[in-house]
Amino acid sequence: MLLEVTYKYATPVYIKVLTPLHPGVGQTLGSVDLPVQRDTLGYPIIYSSSIKGAIRSAYRKMKSGGNSNNLERKIFGGSEETVEETNQSKFSVLDAYLLTIPTRALNNVYVYLTSDFLIQRLNMYLEIYNILMRKSNYVKPDFSKAEVLASENIGNEFLAESYQIGKNQQDDEILKIKKLLQLEKPLVALKNDLIAKALIDRSLMRIARVKLNDNKTVEAGPWTEEYIPPYSYFITLFLYKDEETMKEIEQLLSLNQSTESKSQKSSTSYQYIFIGGKETTGKGLVKISRFGV
């Protein structure tokens, strides 16, 4: 079925990680016992089901009472056992791909790191948005100018104590991403995706843990848990089958408000949600915002 037949509207959205995030996949036999979710190429990812479930919980809280159950089923779909068209969701969330991650830097303490491939994924989602909303918004940095592009000149920087940037070129399209994400540090984009992937892996948090019994002796472990660090940014796309659904979701998450008005937003805004569990220990808090292209 054609995209335009199924969905009529779209909203590009970025997810800012505020506290260490663990969208887990369970225990594995790799070097990390409890890794984060990854795509087929090994990049961190947040599966759409994790995001949509958190948004549905927020919607249920906002719409508690009255005919909220009917509204919830109308937007998010009914029971998985039902296959009638009337129970199908009118709101879809795509998997959230990593766009940039904070990486240790010698001179700037840290910078934001992205790559040619990660920006291509951003443009893939923007292409869907452009089709549905009849726009023409892309981010196209010019890697023919240099192997390393930056939002501003950062000099001869070292990343993650291992990679020397060397010559880099300021690029307006990279600056555009920085402004859209409201980043407070320089954004650096590498053309070499292999190097970028290695630096991303080194920027993830890995924590060793043990379980203690009542006598304060080790009952289980040690094991390692992997986390996506705070100030990482993911990009996703919300799709809607009708305008009413789009307005409901954008109102819920304050996606239809300008940056200036967000400081005065109502108490019914649910931009801040938990993803991945472990919220009782302060993990998994993220902020959802519109990617304002």
C-alpha atoms as a PDB file:
ATOM      1  CA  MET A   1       0.000   0.000   0.000  1.00  0.00           C
ATOM      2  CA  LEU A   2       1.293   3.472  -0.877  1.00  0.00           C
ATOM      3  CA  LEU A   3       2.551   5.695   1.933  1.00  0.00           C
ATOM      4  CA  GLU A   4       0.228   8.541   0.946  1.00  0.00           C
ATOM      5  CA  VAL A   5      -2.774   6.193   1.047  1.00  0.00           C
ATOM      6  CA  THR A   6      -2.043   5.006   4.592  1.00  0.00           C
ATOM      7  CA  TYR A   7      -0.812   8.242   6.188  1.00  0.00           C
ATOM      8  CA  LYS A   8      -1.661  11.878   5.533  1.00  0.00           C
ATOM      9  CA  TYR A   9       0.521  13.848   7.956  1.00  0.00           C
ATOM     10  CA  ALA A  10       3.931  13.610   9.614  1.00  0.00           C
ATOM     11  CA  THR A  11       6.033  15.284  12.296  1.00  0.00           C
ATOM     12  CA  PRO A  12       9.845  14.992  12.450  1.00  0.00           C
ATOM     13  CA  VAL A  13      10.853  14.564  16.083  1.00  0.00           C
ATOM     14  CA  TYR A  14      14.112  14.419  17.980  1.00  0.00           C
ATOM     15  CA  ILE A  15      14.643  12.711  21.315  1.00  0.00           C
ATOM     16  CA  LYS A  16      17.136  14.238  23.743  1.00  0.00           C
ATOM     17  CA  VAL A  17      18.528  11.829  26.340  1.00  0.00           C
ATOM     18  CA  LEU A  18      18.562  13.513  29.762  1.00  0.00           C
ATOM     19  CA  THR A  19      19.673  10.652  32.019  1.00  0.00           C
ATOM     20  CA  PRO A  20      21.528   7.431  31.119  1.00  0.00           C
ATOM     21  CA  LEU A  21      19.250   5.448  28.806  1.00  0.00           C
ATOM     22  CA  HIS A  22      19.025   1.665  28.595  1.00  0.00           C
ATOM     23  CA  PRO A  23      16.638   0.478  25.869  1.00  0.00           C
ATOM     24  CA  GLY A  24      17.721  -3.084  26.463  1.00  0.00           C
ATOM     25  CA  VAL A  25      17.537  -6.341  24.533  1.00  0.00           C
ATOM     26  CA  GLY A  26      18.087  -8.726  27.439  1.00  0.00           C
ATOM     27  CA  GLN A  27      21.160 -10.725  28.319  1.00  0.00           C
ATOM     28  CA  THR A  28      23.627 -11.691  25.598  1.00  0.00           C
ATOM     29  CA  LEU A  29      26.854 -13.656  25.361  1.00  0.00           C
ATOM     30  CA  GLY A  30      28.904 -10.706  24.109  1.00  0.00           C
ATOM     31  CA  SER A  31      31.448  -8.593  25.943  1.00  0.00           C
ATOM     32  CA  VAL A  32      28.557  -6.614  27.475  1.00  0.00           C
ATOM     33  CA  ASP A  33      26.011  -8.722  29.342  1.00  0.00           C
ATOM     34  CA  LEU A  34      23.099  -6.286  28.958  1.00  0.00           C
ATOM     35  CA  PRO A  35      23.661  -4.154  25.831  1.00  0.00           C
ATOM     36  CA  VAL A  36      21.422  -1.433  24.456  1.00  0.00           C
ATOM     37  CA  GLN A  37      19.290  -1.940  21.369  1.00  0.00           C
ATOM     38  CA  ARG A  38      21.229  -1.753  18.107  1.00  0.00           C
ATOM     39  CA  ASP A  39      20.284  -1.733  14.460  1.00  0.00           C
ATOM     40  CA  THR A  40      21.665  -4.216  11.941  1.00  0.00           C
ATOM     41  CA  LEU A  41      24.774  -2.051  11.460  1.00  0.00           C
ATOM     42  CA  GLY A  42      25.536  -1.858  15.165  1.00  0.00           C
ATOM     43  CA  TYR A  43      24.425   1.709  15.890  1.00  0.00           C
ATOM     44  CA  PRO A  44      22.344   2.407  19.023  1.00  0.00           C
ATOM     45  CA  ILE A  45      18.639   2.619  18.278  1.00  0.00           C
ATOM     46  CA  ILE A  46      15.384   3.074  20.191  1.00  0.00           C
ATOM     47  CA  TYR A  47      12.735   0.736  18.848  1.00  0.00           C
ATOM     48  CA  SER A  48       9.444   2.371  17.979  1.00  0.00           C
ATOM     49  CA  SER A  49       7.486   0.156  20.373  1.00  0.00           C
ATOM     50  CA  SER A  50       9.398   1.600  23.345  1.00  0.00           C
ATOM     51  CA  ILE A  51       8.581   5.157  22.273  1.00  0.00           C
ATOM     52  CA  LYS A  52       4.944   4.567  21.380  1.00  0.00           C
ATOM     53  CA  GLY A  53       4.277   2.691  24.617  1.00  0.00           C
ATOM     54  CA  ALA A  54       5.625   5.595  26.675  1.00  0.00           C
ATOM     55  CA  ILE A  55       3.560   8.100  24.677  1.00  0.00           C
ATOM     56  CA  ARG A  56       0.435   5.974  25.099  1.00  0.00           C
ATOM     57  CA  SER A  57       0.950   5.942  28.874  1.00  0.00           C
ATOM     58  CA  ALA A  58       1.288   9.737  28.858  1.00  0.00           C
ATOM     59  CA  TYR A  59      -1.862  10.079  26.760  1.00  0.00           C
ATOM     60  CA  ARG A  60      -3.784   7.804  29.125  1.00  0.00           C
ATOM     61  CA  LYS A  61      -2.729   9.982  32.057  1.00  0.00           C
ATOM     62  CA  MET A  62      -3.701  13.211  30.309  1.00  0.00           C
ATOM     63  CA  LYS A  63      -7.085  11.899  29.144  1.00  0.00           C
ATOM     64  CA  SER A  64      -8.059  10.012  32.312  1.00  0.00           C
ATOM     65  CA  GLY A  65     -11.798   9.928  32.817  1.00  0.00           C
ATOM     66  CA  GLY A  66     -14.743  10.363  30.475  1.00  0.00           C
ATOM     67  CA  ASN A  67     -14.494   8.499  27.185  1.00  0.00           C
ATOM     68  CA  SER A  68     -10.699   8.395  27.324  1.00  0.00           C
ATOM     69  CA  ASN A  69     -10.594   4.664  26.574  1.00  0.00           C
ATOM     70  CA  ASN A  70     -12.418   5.184  23.291  1.00  0.00           C
ATOM     71  CA  LEU A  71     -10.111   8.062  22.349  1.00  0.00           C
ATOM     72  CA  GLU A  72      -7.053   6.019  23.236  1.00  0.00           C
ATOM     73  CA  ARG A  73      -8.175   3.065  21.133  1.00  0.00           C
ATOM     74  CA  LYS A  74      -9.014   5.386  18.268  1.00  0.00           C
ATOM     75  CA  ILE A  75      -5.498   6.861  18.185  1.00  0.00           C
ATOM     76  CA  PHE A  76      -3.275   4.036  19.404  1.00  0.00           C
ATOM     77  CA  GLY A  77      -5.308   1.029  18.295  1.00  0.00           C
ATOM     78  CA  GLY A  78      -7.174  -1.653  20.168  1.00  0.00           C
ATOM     79  CA  SER A  79      -6.129  -5.032  21.468  1.00  0.00           C
ATOM     80  CA  GLU A  80      -3.579  -6.958  19.431  1.00  0.00           C
ATOM     81  CA  GLU A  81      -6.090  -9.791  19.233  1.00  0.00           C
ATOM     82  CA  THR A  82      -8.495  -7.623  17.242  1.00  0.00           C
ATOM     83  CA  VAL A  83      -7.887  -7.191  13.558  1.00  0.00           C
ATOM     84  CA  GLU A  84     -10.834  -5.015  12.599  1.00  0.00           C
ATOM     85  CA  GLU A  85      -9.900  -1.846  10.739  1.00  0.00           C
ATOM     86  CA  THR A  86     -11.633   0.259  13.393  1.00  0.00           C
ATOM     87  CA  ASN A  87      -9.114  -1.016  15.972  1.00  0.00           C
ATOM     88  CA  GLN A  88      -6.043  -0.190  13.917  1.00  0.00           C
ATOM     89  CA  SER A  89      -3.832   2.618  15.173  1.00  0.00           C
ATOM     90  CA  LYS A  90      -4.079   6.019  13.496  1.00  0.00           C
ATOM     91  CA  PHE A  91      -0.674   6.980  14.871  1.00  0.00           C
ATOM     92  CA  SER A  92       2.637   5.394  13.960  1.00  0.00           C
ATOM     93  CA  VAL A  93       6.140   5.909  15.348  1.00  0.00           C
ATOM     94  CA  LEU A  94       9.240   4.968  13.374  1.00  0.00           C
ATOM     95  CA  ASP A  95      12.377   3.594  15.013  1.00  0.00           C
ATOM     96  CA  ALA A  96      14.543   6.365  16.464  1.00  0.00           C
ATOM     97  CA  TYR A  97      18.001   6.451  14.882  1.00  0.00           C
ATOM     98  CA  LEU A  98      21.019   7.985  16.557  1.00  0.00           C
ATOM     99  CA  LEU A  99      21.816  11.429  15.149  1.00  0.00           C
ATOM    100  CA  THR A 100      24.556  12.679  17.455  1.00  0.00           C
ATOM    101  CA  ILE A 101      26.286  11.624  20.666  1.00  0.00           C
ATOM    102  CA  PRO A 102      28.562  13.555  23.053  1.00  0.00           C
ATOM    103  CA  THR A 103      32.190  12.524  22.681  1.00  0.00           C
ATOM    104  CA  ARG A 104      35.086  13.467  24.921  1.00  0.00           C
ATOM    105  CA  ALA A 105      37.323  16.170  23.458  1.00  0.00           C
ATOM    106  CA  LEU A 106      40.681  17.490  24.587  1.00  0.00           C
ATOM    107  CA  ASN A 107      40.047  21.221  24.172  1.00  0.00           C
ATOM    108  CA  ASN A 108      36.239  21.496  24.403  1.00  0.00           C
ATOM    109  CA  VAL A 109      35.650  18.905  27.176  1.00  0.00           C
ATOM    110  CA  TYR A 110      33.194  17.306  24.764  1.00  0.00           C
ATOM    111  CA  VAL A 111      31.724  17.853  21.323  1.00  0.00           C
ATOM    112  CA  TYR A 112      28.741  16.358  19.540  1.00  0.00           C
ATOM    113  CA  LEU A 113      29.637  13.689  17.005  1.00  0.00           C
ATOM    114  CA  THR A 114      27.734  12.656  13.899  1.00  0.00           C
ATOM    115  CA  SER A 115      28.671  11.169  10.539  1.00  0.00           C
ATOM    116  CA  ASP A 116      27.778  11.138   6.870  1.00  0.00           C
ATOM    117  CA  PHE A 117      25.722   7.963   7.332  1.00  0.00           C
ATOM    118  CA  LEU A 118      23.771   9.268  10.330  1.00  0.00           C
ATOM    119  CA  ILE A 119      22.889  12.419   8.398  1.00  0.00           C
ATOM    120  CA  GLN A 120      21.751  10.283   5.455  1.00  0.00           C
ATOM    121  CA  ARG A 121      19.334   8.554   7.822  1.00  0.00           C
ATOM    122  CA  LEU A 122      18.046  11.921   8.949  1.00  0.00           C
ATOM    123  CA  ASN A 123      17.383  12.819   5.324  1.00  0.00           C
ATOM    124  CA  MET A 124      15.612   9.497   4.779  1.00  0.00           C
ATOM    125  CA  TYR A 125      13.051  10.489   7.415  1.00  0.00           C
ATOM    126  CA  LEU A 126      12.890  14.039   6.074  1.00  0.00           C
ATOM    127  CA  GLU A 127      12.092  12.635   2.635  1.00  0.00           C
ATOM    128  CA  ILE A 128       9.029  10.853   4.047  1.00  0.00           C
ATOM    129  CA  TYR A 129       8.037  14.047   5.848  1.00  0.00           C
ATOM    130  CA  ASN A 130       8.473  16.059   2.647  1.00  0.00           C
ATOM    131  CA  ILE A 131       6.277  13.664   0.659  1.00  0.00           C
ATOM    132  CA  LEU A 132       3.398  13.781   3.132  1.00  0.00           C
ATOM    133  CA  MET A 133       3.610  17.470   4.009  1.00  0.00           C
ATOM    134  CA  ARG A 134       4.630  18.681   0.527  1.00  0.00           C
ATOM    135  CA  LYS A 135       7.839  20.228   1.775  1.00  0.00           C
ATOM    136  CA  SER A 136      11.396  20.250   0.508  1.00  0.00           C
ATOM    137  CA  ASN A 137      13.572  20.212   3.606  1.00  0.00           C
ATOM    138  CA  TYR A 138      16.876  18.350   3.677  1.00  0.00           C
ATOM    139  CA  VAL A 139      20.244  18.677   5.378  1.00  0.00           C
ATOM    140  CA  LYS A 140      23.059  18.266   2.863  1.00  0.00           C
ATOM    141  CA  PRO A 141      26.560  18.973   4.180  1.00  0.00           C
ATOM    142  CA  ASP A 142      29.280  19.173   1.554  1.00  0.00           C
ATOM    143  CA  PHE A 143      31.867  16.503   2.399  1.00  0.00           C
ATOM    144  CA  SER A 144      33.739  17.307  -0.799  1.00  0.00           C
ATOM    145  CA  LYS A 145      35.219  20.278   1.077  1.00  0.00           C
ATOM    146  CA  ALA A 146      36.820  18.206   3.841  1.00  0.00           C
ATOM    147  CA  GLU A 147      36.756  14.823   5.585  1.00  0.00           C
ATOM    148  CA  VAL A 148      35.630  16.569   8.780  1.00  0.00           C
ATOM    149  CA  LEU A 149      32.916  19.220   8.846  1.00  0.00           C
ATOM    150  CA  ALA A 150      31.987  21.239  11.910  1.00  0.00           C
ATOM    151  CA  SER A 151      29.433  23.784  13.012  1.00  0.00           C
ATOM    152  CA  GLU A 152      32.368  26.067  13.814  1.00  0.00           C
ATOM    153  CA  ASN A 153      36.128  25.903  13.551  1.00  0.00           C
ATOM    154  CA  ILE A 154      37.399  23.753  16.426  1.00  0.00           C
ATOM    155  CA  GLY A 155      41.072  23.591  15.540  1.00  0.00           C
ATOM    156  CA  ASN A 156      43.278  20.530  15.936  1.00  0.00           C
ATOM    157  CA  GLU A 157      40.995  18.629  18.337  1.00  0.00           C
ATOM    158  CA  PHE A 158      41.347  15.123  19.779  1.00  0.00           C
ATOM    159  CA  LEU A 159      38.215  12.978  20.224  1.00  0.00           C
ATOM    160  CA  ALA A 160      37.917  10.181  22.797  1.00  0.00           C
ATOM    161  CA  GLU A 161      41.662  10.450  23.477  1.00  0.00           C
ATOM    162  CA  SER A 162      42.366   8.561  20.262  1.00  0.00           C
ATOM    163  CA  TYR A 163      41.325  10.394  17.106  1.00  0.00           C
ATOM    164  CA  GLN A 164      42.924  13.616  15.929  1.00  0.00           C
ATOM    165  CA  ILE A 165      40.565  15.642  13.786  1.00  0.00           C
ATOM    166  CA  GLY A 166      43.227  17.657  12.037  1.00  0.00           C
ATOM    167  CA  LYS A 167      41.977  19.888   9.240  1.00  0.00           C
ATOM    168  CA  ASN A 168      38.262  20.628   9.465  1.00  0.00           C
ATOM    169  CA  GLN A 169      35.904  22.896   7.585  1.00  0.00           C
ATOM    170  CA  GLN A 170      33.016  24.945   8.896  1.00  0.00           C
ATOM    171  CA  ASP A 171      29.786  23.949   7.149  1.00  0.00           C
ATOM    172  CA  ASP A 172      26.484  25.815   7.271  1.00  0.00           C
ATOM    173  CA  GLU A 173      24.431  22.615   7.041  1.00  0.00           C
ATOM    174  CA  ILE A 174      26.150  21.197  10.124  1.00  0.00           C
ATOM    175  CA  LEU A 175      25.515  24.516  11.848  1.00  0.00           C
ATOM    176  CA  LYS A 176      21.863  24.167  10.825  1.00  0.00           C
ATOM    177  CA  ILE A 177      21.609  20.810  12.630  1.00  0.00           C
ATOM    178  CA  LYS A 178      23.275  22.304  15.701  1.00  0.00           C
ATOM    179  CA  LYS A 179      20.737  25.131  15.800  1.00  0.00           C
ATOM    180  CA  LEU A 180      17.749  22.833  15.211  1.00  0.00           C
ATOM    181  CA  LEU A 181      18.837  20.601  18.101  1.00  0.00           C
ATOM    182  CA  GLN A 182      19.816  23.632  20.219  1.00  0.00           C
ATOM    183  CA  LEU A 183      23.237  22.147  20.970  1.00  0.00           C
ATOM    184  CA  GLU A 184      25.470  24.058  23.365  1.00  0.00           C
ATOM    185  CA  LYS A 185      28.741  22.549  22.088  1.00  0.00           C
ATOM    186  CA  PRO A 186      30.271  22.241  18.593  1.00  0.00           C
ATOM    187  CA  LEU A 187      28.848  19.593  16.261  1.00  0.00           C
ATOM    188  CA  VAL A 188      31.436  17.576  14.334  1.00  0.00           C
ATOM    189  CA  ALA A 189      30.560  15.394  11.327  1.00  0.00           C
ATOM    190  CA  LEU A 190      32.958  12.755  10.009  1.00  0.00           C
ATOM    191  CA  LYS A 191      32.867  11.497   6.442  1.00  0.00           C
ATOM    192  CA  ASN A 192      34.576   8.259   7.495  1.00  0.00           C
ATOM    193  CA  ASP A 193      31.770   6.196   9.016  1.00  0.00           C
ATOM    194  CA  LEU A 194      34.112   3.481  10.293  1.00  0.00           C
ATOM    195  CA  ILE A 195      35.966   5.961  12.481  1.00  0.00           C
ATOM    196  CA  ALA A 196      32.700   7.570  13.571  1.00  0.00           C
ATOM    197  CA  LYS A 197      31.247   4.179  14.513  1.00  0.00           C
ATOM    198  CA  ALA A 198      34.321   3.353  16.634  1.00  0.00           C
ATOM    199  CA  LEU A 199      34.093   6.705  18.423  1.00  0.00           C
ATOM    200  CA  ILE A 200      30.374   6.192  19.052  1.00  0.00           C
ATOM    201  CA  ASP A 201      31.075   2.797  20.631  1.00  0.00           C
ATOM    202  CA  ARG A 202      33.700   4.382  22.879  1.00  0.00           C
ATOM    203  CA  SER A 203      31.221   7.055  23.943  1.00  0.00           C
ATOM    204  CA  LEU A 204      28.662   4.596  25.318  1.00  0.00           C
ATOM    205  CA  MET A 205      28.566   4.022  29.078  1.00  0.00           C
ATOM    206  CA  ARG A 206      29.330   0.554  30.448  1.00  0.00           C
ATOM    207  CA  ILE A 207      28.713  -0.027  34.135  1.00  0.00           C
ATOM    208  CA  ALA A 208      29.704  -3.115  36.138  1.00  0.00           C
ATOM    209  CA  ARG A 209      27.162  -4.181  38.761  1.00  0.00           C
ATOM    210  CA  VAL A 210      26.686  -6.816  41.439  1.00  0.00           C
ATOM    211  CA  LYS A 211      23.685  -7.908  43.482  1.00  0.00           C
ATOM    212  CA  LEU A 212      24.086  -8.001  47.262  1.00  0.00           C
ATOM    213  CA  ASN A 213      22.094 -10.120  49.688  1.00  0.00           C
ATOM    214  CA  ASP A 214      20.873  -9.068  53.138  1.00  0.00           C
ATOM    215  CA  ASN A 215      24.309  -9.779  54.592  1.00  0.00           C
ATOM    216  CA  LYS A 216      25.903  -7.343  52.123  1.00  0.00           C
ATOM    217  CA  THR A 217      27.791 -10.095  50.356  1.00  0.00           C
ATOM    218  CA  VAL A 218      27.685 -10.717  46.634  1.00  0.00           C
ATOM    219  CA  GLU A 219      24.691 -12.817  45.620  1.00  0.00           C
ATOM    220  CA  ALA A 220      25.040 -12.451  41.856  1.00  0.00           C
ATOM    221  CA  GLY A 221      27.403 -10.851  39.397  1.00  0.00           C
ATOM    222  CA  PRO A 222      29.364  -9.040  38.383  1.00  0.00           C
ATOM    223  CA  TRP A 223      27.641  -8.173  35.126  1.00  0.00           C
ATOM    224  CA  THR A 224      27.921  -5.179  32.812  1.00  0.00           C
ATOM    225  CA  GLU A 225      25.093  -2.913  31.666  1.00  0.00           C
ATOM    226  CA  GLU A 226      25.345  -0.573  28.703  1.00  0.00           C
ATOM    227  CA  TYR A 227      23.792   2.896  28.632  1.00  0.00           C
ATOM    228  CA  ILE A 228      23.407   5.662  26.082  1.00  0.00           C
ATOM    229  CA  PRO A 229      24.902   8.799  27.675  1.00  0.00           C
ATOM    230  CA  PRO A 230      22.961  11.974  28.473  1.00  0.00           C
ATOM    231  CA  TYR A 231      22.876  14.636  25.742  1.00  0.00           C
ATOM    232  CA  SER A 232      22.636  12.041  22.992  1.00  0.00           C
ATOM    233  CA  TYR A 233      20.069  12.840  20.300  1.00  0.00           C
ATOM    234  CA  PHE A 234      17.904  10.491  18.247  1.00  0.00           C
ATOM    235  CA  ILE A 235      15.692  11.281  15.266  1.00  0.00           C
ATOM    236  CA  THR A 236      12.319   9.688  14.554  1.00  0.00           C
ATOM    237  CA  LEU A 237       9.154  10.396  12.592  1.00  0.00           C
ATOM    238  CA  PHE A 238       5.537  10.422  13.747  1.00  0.00           C
ATOM    239  CA  LEU A 239       2.946   9.474  11.118  1.00  0.00           C
ATOM    240  CA  TYR A 240      -0.794  10.158  11.320  1.00  0.00           C
ATOM    241  CA  LYS A 241      -3.787   8.951   9.361  1.00  0.00           C
ATOM    242  CA  ASP A 242      -5.822  12.107   9.950  1.00  0.00           C
ATOM    243  CA  GLU A 243      -5.421  15.682  11.136  1.00  0.00           C
ATOM    244  CA  GLU A 244      -7.323  15.103  14.379  1.00  0.00           C
ATOM    245  CA  THR A 245      -4.807  12.468  15.482  1.00  0.00           C
ATOM    246  CA  MET A 246      -1.897  14.748  14.594  1.00  0.00           C
ATOM    247  CA  LYS A 247      -3.351  17.573  16.687  1.00  0.00           C
ATOM    248  CA  GLU A 248      -3.918  15.270  19.678  1.00  0.00           C
ATOM    249  CA  ILE A 249      -0.336  13.987  19.689  1.00  0.00           C
ATOM    250  CA  GLU A 250       1.223  17.383  19.004  1.00  0.00           C
ATOM    251  CA  GLN A 251      -0.818  18.913  21.821  1.00  0.00           C
ATOM    252  CA  LEU A 252       0.160  16.106  24.190  1.00  0.00           C
ATOM    253  CA  LEU A 253       3.883  16.565  23.529  1.00  0.00           C
ATOM    254  CA  SER A 254       3.833  20.329  22.833  1.00  0.00           C
ATOM    255  CA  LEU A 255       5.143  19.668  19.321  1.00  0.00           C
ATOM    256  CA  ASN A 256       2.997  22.430  17.848  1.00  0.00           C
ATOM    257  CA  GLN A 257       4.456  25.205  20.004  1.00  0.00           C
ATOM    258  CA  SER A 258       7.312  27.524  19.158  1.00  0.00           C
ATOM    259  CA  THR A 259      10.490  27.576  21.204  1.00  0.00           C
ATOM    260  CA  GLU A 260       9.488  30.912  22.746  1.00  0.00           C
ATOM    261  CA  SER A 261       6.067  29.722  23.890  1.00  0.00           C
ATOM    262  CA  LYS A 262       7.272  26.457  25.381  1.00  0.00           C
ATOM    263  CA  SER A 263       8.350  28.283  28.532  1.00  0.00           C
ATOM    264  CA  GLN A 264       4.680  29.098  29.056  1.00  0.00           C
ATOM    265  CA  LYS A 265       3.236  25.737  28.052  1.00  0.00           C
ATOM    266  CA  SER A 266       0.403  24.247  30.066  1.00  0.00           C
ATOM    267  CA  SER A 267       0.769  21.601  32.730  1.00  0.00           C
ATOM    268  CA  THR A 268      -0.734  19.037  30.332  1.00  0.00           C
ATOM    269  CA  SER A 269       2.487  18.856  28.323  1.00  0.00           C
ATOM    270  CA  TYR A 270       4.170  15.462  28.402  1.00  0.00           C
ATOM    271  CA  GLN A 271       7.425  16.201  26.598  1.00  0.00           C
ATOM    272  CA  TYR A 272       9.374  14.436  29.332  1.00  0.00           C
ATOM    273  CA  ILE A 273       8.893  10.670  29.407  1.00  0.00           C
ATOM    274  CA  PHE A 274      10.754   7.582  30.563  1.00  0.00           C
ATOM    275  CA  ILE A 275      11.973   4.995  28.065  1.00  0.00           C
ATOM    276  CA  GLY A 276      13.640   1.674  28.751  1.00  0.00           C
ATOM    277  CA  GLY A 277      12.668   1.158  32.372  1.00  0.00           C
ATOM    278  CA  LYS A 278      14.882   1.703  35.439  1.00  0.00           C
ATOM    279  CA  GLU A 279      13.048   4.965  36.133  1.00  0.00           C
ATOM    280  CA  THR A 280      13.145   4.304  39.898  1.00  0.00           C
ATOM    281  CA  THR A 281      16.920   4.772  39.742  1.00  0.00           C
ATOM    282  CA  GLY A 282      16.670   7.874  37.571  1.00  0.00           C
ATOM    283  CA  LYS A 283      17.465   6.188  34.276  1.00  0.00           C
ATOM    284  CA  GLY A 284      15.755   6.640  30.935  1.00  0.00           C
ATOM    285  CA  LEU A 285      14.407  10.200  31.147  1.00  0.00           C
ATOM    286  CA  VAL A 286      14.166  11.813  27.703  1.00  0.00           C
ATOM    287  CA  LYS A 287      12.657  14.925  26.172  1.00  0.00           C
ATOM    288  CA  ILE A 288      10.663  14.795  22.939  1.00  0.00           C
ATOM    289  CA  SER A 289      10.737  17.868  20.686  1.00  0.00           C
ATOM    290  CA  ARG A 290       9.845  18.788  17.146  1.00  0.00           C
ATOM    291  CA  PHE A 291      12.738  18.824  14.675  1.00  0.00           C
ATOM    292  CA  GLY A 292      11.883  22.225  13.304  1.00  0.00           C
ATOM    293  CA  VAL A 293      12.707  21.981   9.613  1.00  0.00           C
END
